[in-house]
Amino acid sequence: MTGRWWLAAASSAPDVDQVRDLWRAARAAGEPRWYLSLIARIGRQAAAGTSRGRS
Protein backbone atom coordinates (compact mmCIF):
# COMPACT_ATOMS: atom_id res chain seq x y z
CA MET A 1 0.00 0.00 0.00
CA THR A 2 1.18 3.42 -0.78
CA GLY A 3 0.25 6.58 1.00
CA ARG A 4 -1.59 6.96 4.23
CA TRP A 5 -5.18 6.08 3.58
CA TRP A 6 -5.56 4.13 6.83
CA LEU A 7 -7.44 6.93 8.58
CA ALA A 8 -10.04 7.16 5.84
CA ALA A 9 -10.50 3.41 5.86
CA ALA A 10 -10.80 3.32 9.66
CA SER A 11 -13.31 6.17 9.63
CA SER A 12 -15.54 4.32 7.19
CA ALA A 13 -15.09 0.88 8.78
CA PRO A 14 -18.42 -0.73 9.66
CA ASP A 15 -17.27 -2.08 13.02
CA VAL A 16 -14.52 -2.03 15.63
CA ASP A 17 -13.06 -5.34 14.49
CA GLN A 18 -12.33 -3.93 11.06
CA VAL A 19 -10.65 -0.90 12.64
CA ARG A 20 -8.47 -3.29 14.65
CA ASP A 21 -7.54 -5.16 11.49
CA LEU A 22 -6.63 -1.88 9.79
CA TRP A 23 -4.52 -0.86 12.81
CA ARG A 24 -2.64 -4.16 12.63
CA ALA A 25 -2.07 -3.78 8.91
CA ALA A 26 -0.83 -0.20 9.34
CA ARG A 27 1.53 -1.35 12.08
CA ALA A 28 2.85 -4.15 9.89
CA ALA A 29 3.37 -1.59 7.11
CA GLY A 30 5.63 0.39 9.43
CA GLU A 31 3.43 3.40 10.10
CA PRO A 32 4.73 5.60 12.93
CA ARG A 33 3.33 5.37 16.43
CA TRP A 34 1.59 8.76 16.25
CA TYR A 35 -0.31 7.64 13.17
CA LEU A 36 -1.31 4.35 14.81
CA SER A 37 -2.60 6.39 17.74
CA LEU A 38 -4.95 8.26 15.42
CA ILE A 39 -6.33 5.00 14.09
CA ALA A 40 -6.71 3.68 17.64
CA ARG A 41 -8.66 6.80 18.59
CA ILE A 42 -11.13 6.08 15.81
CA GLY A 43 -11.46 2.51 17.10
CA ARG A 44 -12.09 3.69 20.66
CA GLN A 45 -14.75 6.09 19.45
CA ALA A 46 -16.42 3.30 17.48
CA ALA A 47 -16.33 1.01 20.51
CA ALA A 48 -17.90 3.72 22.64
CA GLY A 49 -20.59 4.25 20.03
CA THR A 50 -19.83 7.91 19.49
CA SER A 51 -20.32 9.59 16.17
CA ARG A 52 -17.39 9.51 13.78
CA GLY A 53 -18.71 12.26 11.57
CA ARG A 54 -21.09 10.15 9.51
CA SER A 55 -24.50 11.44 8.53
C-alpha atoms as a PDB file:
ATOM      1  CA  MET A   1       0.000   0.000   0.000  1.00  0.00           C
ATOM      2  CA  THR A   2       1.183   3.419  -0.776  1.00  0.00           C
ATOM      3  CA  GLY A   3       0.252   6.583   1.001  1.00  0.00           C
ATOM      4  CA  ARG A   4      -1.592   6.962   4.231  1.00  0.00           C
ATOM      5  CA  TRP A   5      -5.181   6.082   3.578  1.00  0.00           C
ATOM      6  CA  TRP A   6      -5.558   4.126   6.825  1.00  0.00           C
ATOM      7  CA  LEU A   7      -7.442   6.931   8.580  1.00  0.00           C
ATOM      8  CA  ALA A   8     -10.039   7.159   5.835  1.00  0.00           C
ATOM      9  CA  ALA A   9     -10.499   3.405   5.859  1.00  0.00           C
ATOM     10  CA  ALA A  10     -10.800   3.324   9.658  1.00  0.00           C
ATOM     11  CA  SER A  11     -13.306   6.170   9.628  1.00  0.00           C
ATOM     12  CA  SER A  12     -15.538   4.318   7.191  1.00  0.00           C
ATOM     13  CA  ALA A  13     -15.089   0.877   8.779  1.00  0.00           C
ATOM     14  CA  PRO A  14     -18.423  -0.728   9.655  1.00  0.00           C
ATOM     15  CA  ASP A  15     -17.269  -2.076  13.023  1.00  0.00           C
ATOM     16  CA  VAL A  16     -14.523  -2.035  15.631  1.00  0.00           C
ATOM     17  CA  ASP A  17     -13.064  -5.344  14.491  1.00  0.00           C
ATOM     18  CA  GLN A  18     -12.327  -3.931  11.061  1.00  0.00           C
ATOM     19  CA  VAL A  19     -10.650  -0.895  12.638  1.00  0.00           C
ATOM     20  CA  ARG A  20      -8.468  -3.288  14.648  1.00  0.00           C
ATOM     21  CA  ASP A  21      -7.541  -5.160  11.485  1.00  0.00           C
ATOM     22  CA  LEU A  22      -6.632  -1.876   9.795  1.00  0.00           C
ATOM     23  CA  TRP A  23      -4.519  -0.862  12.809  1.00  0.00           C
ATOM     24  CA  ARG A  24      -2.639  -4.156  12.630  1.00  0.00           C
ATOM     25  CA  ALA A  25      -2.070  -3.777   8.907  1.00  0.00           C
ATOM     26  CA  ALA A  26      -0.834  -0.198   9.343  1.00  0.00           C
ATOM     27  CA  ARG A  27       1.533  -1.345  12.084  1.00  0.00           C
ATOM     28  CA  ALA A  28       2.846  -4.147   9.889  1.00  0.00           C
ATOM     29  CA  ALA A  29       3.368  -1.593   7.111  1.00  0.00           C
ATOM     30  CA  GLY A  30       5.631   0.387   9.428  1.00  0.00           C
ATOM     31  CA  GLU A  31       3.426   3.403  10.097  1.00  0.00           C
ATOM     32  CA  PRO A  32       4.732   5.604  12.929  1.00  0.00           C
ATOM     33  CA  ARG A  33       3.325   5.366  16.433  1.00  0.00           C
ATOM     34  CA  TRP A  34       1.589   8.761  16.249  1.00  0.00           C
ATOM     35  CA  TYR A  35      -0.313   7.636  13.168  1.00  0.00           C
ATOM     36  CA  LEU A  36      -1.311   4.350  14.805  1.00  0.00           C
ATOM     37  CA  SER A  37      -2.603   6.391  17.742  1.00  0.00           C
ATOM     38  CA  LEU A  38      -4.953   8.264  15.420  1.00  0.00           C
ATOM     39  CA  ILE A  39      -6.334   4.999  14.088  1.00  0.00           C
ATOM     40  CA  ALA A  40      -6.711   3.684  17.640  1.00  0.00           C
ATOM     41  CA  ARG A  41      -8.656   6.800  18.593  1.00  0.00           C
ATOM     42  CA  ILE A  42     -11.134   6.081  15.812  1.00  0.00           C
ATOM     43  CA  GLY A  43     -11.464   2.512  17.098  1.00  0.00           C
ATOM     44  CA  ARG A  44     -12.087   3.690  20.664  1.00  0.00           C
ATOM     45  CA  GLN A  45     -14.752   6.089  19.448  1.00  0.00           C
ATOM     46  CA  ALA A  46     -16.419   3.300  17.478  1.00  0.00           C
ATOM     47  CA  ALA A  47     -16.334   1.010  20.512  1.00  0.00           C
ATOM     48  CA  ALA A  48     -17.898   3.716  22.644  1.00  0.00           C
ATOM     49  CA  GLY A  49     -20.589   4.248  20.031  1.00  0.00           C
ATOM     50  CA  THR A  50     -19.833   7.914  19.493  1.00  0.00           C
ATOM     51  CA  SER A  51     -20.323   9.590  16.168  1.00  0.00           C
ATOM     52  CA  ARG A  52     -17.394   9.508  13.777  1.00  0.00           C
ATOM     53  CA  GLY A  53     -18.714  12.259  11.572  1.00  0.00           C
ATOM     54  CA  ARG A  54     -21.086  10.155   9.513  1.00  0.00           C
ATOM     55  CA  SER A  55     -24.499  11.440   8.527  1.00  0.00           C
END
